[in-house]
Structures are given as structure tokens and as C-alpha cells.
């Protein structure tokens, strides 16, 4: 993909969900383009459509109508194997609850996406060491998650999300479990790594500290961008 081409695009996307006899309109004609190195925050009340956009951009769900383009490639019509491989190679995820594997060390958690992708061991070791150094966890590589603070856990999660050099990182309330000082550190780290590595971040958040540091903030209400 070219430098000027959006990392991910949603074009006139509609999405509804069924809850019993009720049809819930989650997105109503959303258009969105996110570029390399951009930190984008999605805000809005619960039920406004933030999580739906994350799920669609992360290829976890599919729209009812409209088009999703990832890395210049339309994803409509891809079978589940192709979607899984594209998700594996092009996407990283950061969760509110960290989602690290408790029986694995920090280095093993960060290494796991490379192992799944079949990257050779020597290259994996080099990339993991570099990524842990970049997020300030070089001294914690052999520690298990239960030995880390909340901020260190989120640093490890960010390292794991970026280790594949993804086009796009999806982050769902990444500072919700962190105190103010630690949240500020995580925001600065995400911003620095986003710009340094050229990945785009799409972040769903209620945290005003985060929105103040993002490159762009979009508000959602009732499934529409405001």
C-alpha cells in the first residue's frame, strides 16, 4: 500500500443486531478513513457504536452493507481462512484487561504472535528483545504477568500488539484499568510507538486524558459519526 493510502476505510457501513424480536441499529451509514501513524479516538456513550467499529475494523464482524478496506484490500467476500490470516498479519489488539497468558513469561507473550506466524526463532528473539526495550520492559522479559504492575502489563500488551508490525492496532478502553499517572505514561507510549512504527491506532475510550493526546477524535451517537 502507498504512504498516502488509508490503512483502513469504512465506506457507508451499516450494521444491525437482533435482540430477541428487536432489531438494534448499531451503525447507520458510517464513513471513516484512518491513515498510517494516526492515533484516532472514538468517543460516545455506551451503545453509540464504538465497539461495533472496532469489531468491523478488526475483521471480527462483517457489516450488513457498505464496504471495509484494509491495507487497500476490500475484505468483502474473503472466506474465513483469508480473514483469519489477514487479521493475524495486519492487525494488533490491546484490551482493557490486558489478556496476557498467565503461565507464559512477558517475552513469551510478546513472542507468541510471531510464533503463530511462523517467523524463524532467531528473528523472533531479536524482534522481541527490541520491542521489549522500546516499551521499557527489557528487564522484565523473564517475569510472568502476575509479577508486573498494571502499567507494566499494558506495556507488555502494547508490545505484543506491535510485534507483528501491523498496519492497524485496535484498542478497547486501554487506560480504563490504570491510575492517572500510569494512564498518562501509556498514552505517551502508544503515541510514540504509533508514530515511530507507522501503525494506525483506533481507540474506543471514555477517557478524556486519552482524547487530549490523540491526533483526531470522533464522536459517535446512535450509530452515526457526529
Protein backbone atom coordinates (compact mmCIF):
# COMPACT_ATOMS: atom_id res chain seq x y z
CA UNK A 1 0.00 0.00 0.00
CA UNK A 2 1.15 3.58 -0.67
CA UNK A 3 2.02 6.01 2.12
CA UNK A 4 -0.99 8.19 1.25
CA UNK A 5 -3.46 5.32 1.19
CA UNK A 6 -5.63 4.88 4.32
CA UNK A 7 -4.77 1.89 6.50
CA UNK A 8 -8.46 1.13 6.99
CA UNK A 9 -11.61 2.56 5.46
CA UNK A 10 -15.28 2.11 6.28
CA UNK A 11 -17.48 3.23 3.40
CA UNK A 12 -21.18 3.81 4.08
CA UNK A 13 -21.23 0.99 6.62
CA UNK A 14 -24.46 -0.18 8.22
CA UNK A 15 -24.72 -2.80 10.96
CA UNK A 16 -27.70 -4.06 12.95
CA UNK A 17 -28.03 -6.68 15.68
CA UNK A 18 -31.04 -8.75 16.67
CA UNK A 19 -32.00 -8.97 20.33
CA UNK A 20 -34.96 -11.31 20.53
CA UNK A 21 -37.67 -9.69 18.42
CA UNK A 22 -35.89 -6.35 18.37
CA UNK A 23 -33.53 -5.02 15.69
CA UNK A 24 -30.84 -2.76 17.13
CA UNK A 25 -29.20 -0.35 14.64
CA UNK A 26 -25.53 -0.23 15.71
CA UNK A 27 -24.11 1.76 12.76
CA UNK A 28 -26.06 3.89 10.31
CA UNK A 29 -24.00 4.82 7.28
CA UNK A 30 -20.54 5.38 8.78
CA UNK A 31 -17.70 6.68 6.60
CA UNK A 32 -14.22 6.57 8.16
CA UNK A 33 -10.62 6.56 6.93
CA UNK A 34 -7.56 6.14 9.18
CA UNK A 35 -4.01 6.79 7.94
CA UNK A 36 -0.57 5.44 8.85
CA UNK A 37 0.83 6.86 12.08
CA UNK A 38 -2.54 8.27 13.16
CA UNK A 39 -3.89 7.92 16.69
CA UNK A 40 -7.69 8.08 16.37
CA UNK A 41 -10.03 8.13 19.39
CA UNK A 42 -13.68 7.10 19.13
CA UNK A 43 -15.87 8.55 21.87
CA UNK A 44 -19.54 8.37 22.72
CA UNK A 45 -21.92 6.82 25.25
CA UNK A 46 -22.41 3.09 25.64
CA UNK A 47 -24.36 1.76 22.68
CA UNK A 48 -23.21 4.53 20.34
CA UNK A 49 -21.35 2.14 18.02
CA UNK A 50 -17.72 2.35 19.19
CA UNK A 51 -17.29 -1.38 19.80
CA UNK A 52 -19.04 -2.19 16.53
CA UNK A 53 -16.50 -0.10 14.61
CA UNK A 54 -13.66 -1.88 16.43
CA UNK A 55 -15.15 -5.27 15.60
CA UNK A 56 -15.61 -4.38 11.93
CA UNK A 57 -12.17 -2.78 11.53
CA UNK A 58 -10.66 -5.77 13.34
CA UNK A 59 -12.40 -8.23 10.98
CA UNK A 60 -14.17 -9.84 13.91
CA UNK A 61 -17.57 -8.99 12.44
CA UNK A 62 -18.93 -8.07 8.99
CA UNK A 63 -21.25 -5.19 8.01
CA UNK A 64 -24.79 -5.64 6.75
CA UNK A 65 -23.95 -3.27 3.90
CA UNK A 66 -21.17 -0.93 2.88
CA UNK A 67 -17.50 -1.69 2.35
CA UNK A 68 -14.45 -2.24 4.55
CA UNK A 69 -10.99 -1.85 3.01
CA UNK A 70 -7.88 -2.87 4.96
CA UNK A 71 -4.46 -2.02 3.57
CA UNK A 72 -6.03 -1.18 0.22
CA UNK A 73 -7.74 -4.57 0.06
CA UNK A 74 -11.56 -4.91 0.17
CA UNK A 75 -12.42 -7.59 2.72
CA UNK A 76 -15.92 -8.39 1.47
CA UNK A 77 -16.11 -11.87 0.04
CA UNK A 78 -12.99 -13.18 1.79
CA UNK A 79 -13.51 -16.61 3.28
CA UNK A 80 -12.87 -17.19 6.99
CA UNK A 81 -9.35 -18.54 6.38
CA UNK A 82 -8.34 -15.42 4.44
CA UNK A 83 -9.92 -13.17 7.09
CA UNK A 84 -8.05 -15.03 9.83
CA UNK A 85 -4.71 -14.71 8.02
CA UNK A 86 -5.30 -11.02 7.32
CA UNK A 87 -6.21 -10.48 10.97
CA UNK A 88 -3.08 -12.38 12.04
CA UNK A 89 -0.72 -10.46 9.78
CA UNK A 90 -2.16 -6.94 9.61
CA UNK A 91 -3.84 -6.32 12.98
CA UNK A 92 -2.82 -5.91 16.61
CA UNK A 93 -5.17 -5.74 19.61
CA UNK A 94 -4.87 -4.03 23.01
CA UNK A 95 -7.53 -4.85 25.61
CA UNK A 96 -8.69 -3.21 28.81
CA UNK A 97 -7.93 -6.40 30.76
CA UNK A 98 -4.52 -6.97 29.08
CA UNK A 99 -5.31 -10.63 28.09
CA UNK A 100 -1.77 -11.89 28.67
CA UNK A 101 -1.31 -15.65 29.12
CA UNK A 102 -0.54 -16.09 32.85
CA UNK A 103 1.70 -19.18 32.52
CA UNK A 104 3.94 -17.53 29.90
CA UNK A 105 6.70 -15.00 30.53
CA UNK A 106 6.48 -11.47 29.20
CA UNK A 107 8.87 -12.37 26.38
CA UNK A 108 6.83 -15.49 25.53
CA UNK A 109 3.60 -13.47 25.45
CA UNK A 110 5.13 -10.93 23.10
CA UNK A 111 6.72 -13.66 21.00
CA UNK A 112 3.54 -15.69 20.58
CA UNK A 113 2.11 -13.80 17.54
CA UNK A 114 5.44 -14.29 15.74
CA UNK A 115 5.45 -17.98 16.63
CA UNK A 116 1.92 -18.35 15.24
CA UNK A 117 3.00 -16.54 12.06
CA UNK A 118 5.93 -18.94 11.56
CA UNK A 119 8.73 -16.38 11.97
CA UNK A 120 12.14 -18.13 12.42
CA UNK A 121 13.31 -18.40 16.08
CA UNK A 122 16.44 -16.23 15.73
CA UNK A 123 14.45 -13.42 14.12
CA UNK A 124 11.76 -13.76 16.77
CA UNK A 125 14.27 -13.40 19.62
CA UNK A 126 15.78 -10.30 18.03
CA UNK A 127 12.42 -8.64 17.42
CA UNK A 128 11.06 -9.47 20.87
CA UNK A 129 14.15 -8.04 22.58
CA UNK A 130 13.91 -4.86 20.51
CA UNK A 131 10.19 -4.45 21.18
CA UNK A 132 10.54 -5.01 24.93
CA UNK A 133 13.34 -2.44 25.02
CA UNK A 134 11.13 0.01 23.11
CA UNK A 135 8.37 -0.22 25.73
CA UNK A 136 10.73 -0.23 28.72
CA UNK A 137 10.36 -3.90 29.70
CA UNK A 138 13.79 -5.29 28.82
CA UNK A 139 14.44 -6.10 32.48
CA UNK A 140 11.12 -7.94 32.84
CA UNK A 141 11.38 -10.31 29.87
CA UNK A 142 11.52 -13.44 32.06
CA UNK A 143 8.83 -12.35 34.51
CA UNK A 144 5.32 -13.75 34.42
CA UNK A 145 2.34 -11.38 34.25
CA UNK A 146 1.47 -11.78 37.95
CA UNK A 147 4.82 -10.18 38.84
CA UNK A 148 4.03 -6.98 36.90
CA UNK A 149 2.17 -3.79 37.78
CA UNK A 150 -0.87 -2.66 35.79
CA UNK A 151 1.24 -0.26 33.77
CA UNK A 152 3.81 -2.93 33.01
CA UNK A 153 1.06 -5.34 31.95
CA UNK A 154 -0.29 -2.77 29.50
CA UNK A 155 3.24 -2.10 28.19
CA UNK A 156 3.55 -5.83 27.52
CA UNK A 157 0.16 -5.82 25.78
CA UNK A 158 1.23 -2.91 23.56
CA UNK A 159 4.49 -4.70 22.73
CA UNK A 160 2.53 -7.85 21.80
CA UNK A 161 0.18 -5.82 19.59
CA UNK A 162 3.06 -4.15 17.74
CA UNK A 163 5.45 -7.10 17.44
CA UNK A 164 3.98 -8.16 14.07
CA UNK A 165 4.49 -4.63 12.68
CA UNK A 166 0.76 -4.42 11.95
CA UNK A 167 -0.97 -1.90 9.76
CA UNK A 168 -3.61 -1.24 12.42
CA UNK A 169 -3.89 -1.59 16.20
CA UNK A 170 -7.36 -1.86 17.73
CA UNK A 171 -7.52 -0.69 21.36
CA UNK A 172 -10.63 -1.04 23.53
CA UNK A 173 -10.58 1.22 26.62
CA UNK A 174 -6.81 0.66 27.07
CA UNK A 175 -6.48 3.03 30.05
CA UNK A 176 -9.65 2.08 31.95
CA UNK A 177 -7.82 -0.17 34.44
CA UNK A 178 -4.95 2.27 35.08
CA UNK A 179 -4.40 5.08 37.56
CA UNK A 180 -3.91 8.59 36.20
CA UNK A 181 -0.11 8.61 36.25
CA UNK A 182 0.16 5.19 34.62
CA UNK A 183 -2.53 6.07 32.08
CA UNK A 184 -0.57 9.18 31.07
CA UNK A 185 2.55 7.03 30.57
CA UNK A 186 0.62 4.52 28.44
CA UNK A 187 -0.86 7.25 26.27
CA UNK A 188 2.55 8.73 25.64
CA UNK A 189 3.95 5.28 24.85
CA UNK A 190 1.13 4.47 22.40
CA UNK A 191 1.56 7.83 20.70
CA UNK A 192 5.34 7.42 20.45
CA UNK A 193 5.16 3.85 19.12
CA UNK A 194 2.33 4.72 16.72
CA UNK A 195 4.38 7.48 15.13
CA UNK A 196 7.67 5.56 15.27
CA UNK A 197 6.33 2.38 13.67
CA UNK A 198 3.78 3.89 11.30
CA UNK A 199 0.91 1.78 12.57
CA UNK A 200 -2.51 3.38 12.94
CA UNK A 201 -4.33 3.14 16.28
CA UNK A 202 -8.12 3.14 16.55
CA UNK A 203 -9.08 3.50 20.20
CA UNK A 204 -12.52 3.32 21.80
CA UNK A 205 -12.48 5.31 25.02
CA UNK A 206 -14.37 7.34 27.61
CA UNK A 207 -11.06 8.71 28.96
CA UNK A 208 -10.63 12.45 28.38
CA UNK A 209 -6.90 12.11 29.17
CA UNK A 210 -6.54 9.93 26.10
CA UNK A 211 -8.59 12.09 23.76
CA UNK A 212 -6.44 15.12 24.57
CA UNK A 213 -3.38 13.32 23.18
CA UNK A 214 -4.86 11.70 20.09
CA UNK A 215 -4.33 13.10 16.60
CA UNK A 216 -8.07 13.04 15.92
CA UNK A 217 -11.21 12.50 18.00
CA UNK A 218 -14.53 11.38 16.50
CA UNK A 219 -17.74 11.25 18.48
CA UNK A 220 -20.44 8.65 17.87
CA UNK A 221 -24.08 8.92 18.78
CA UNK A 222 -26.78 6.41 17.89
CA UNK A 223 -24.59 4.74 15.28
CA UNK A 224 -23.61 7.92 13.45
CA UNK A 225 -20.42 9.97 13.47
CA UNK A 226 -21.11 13.48 14.74
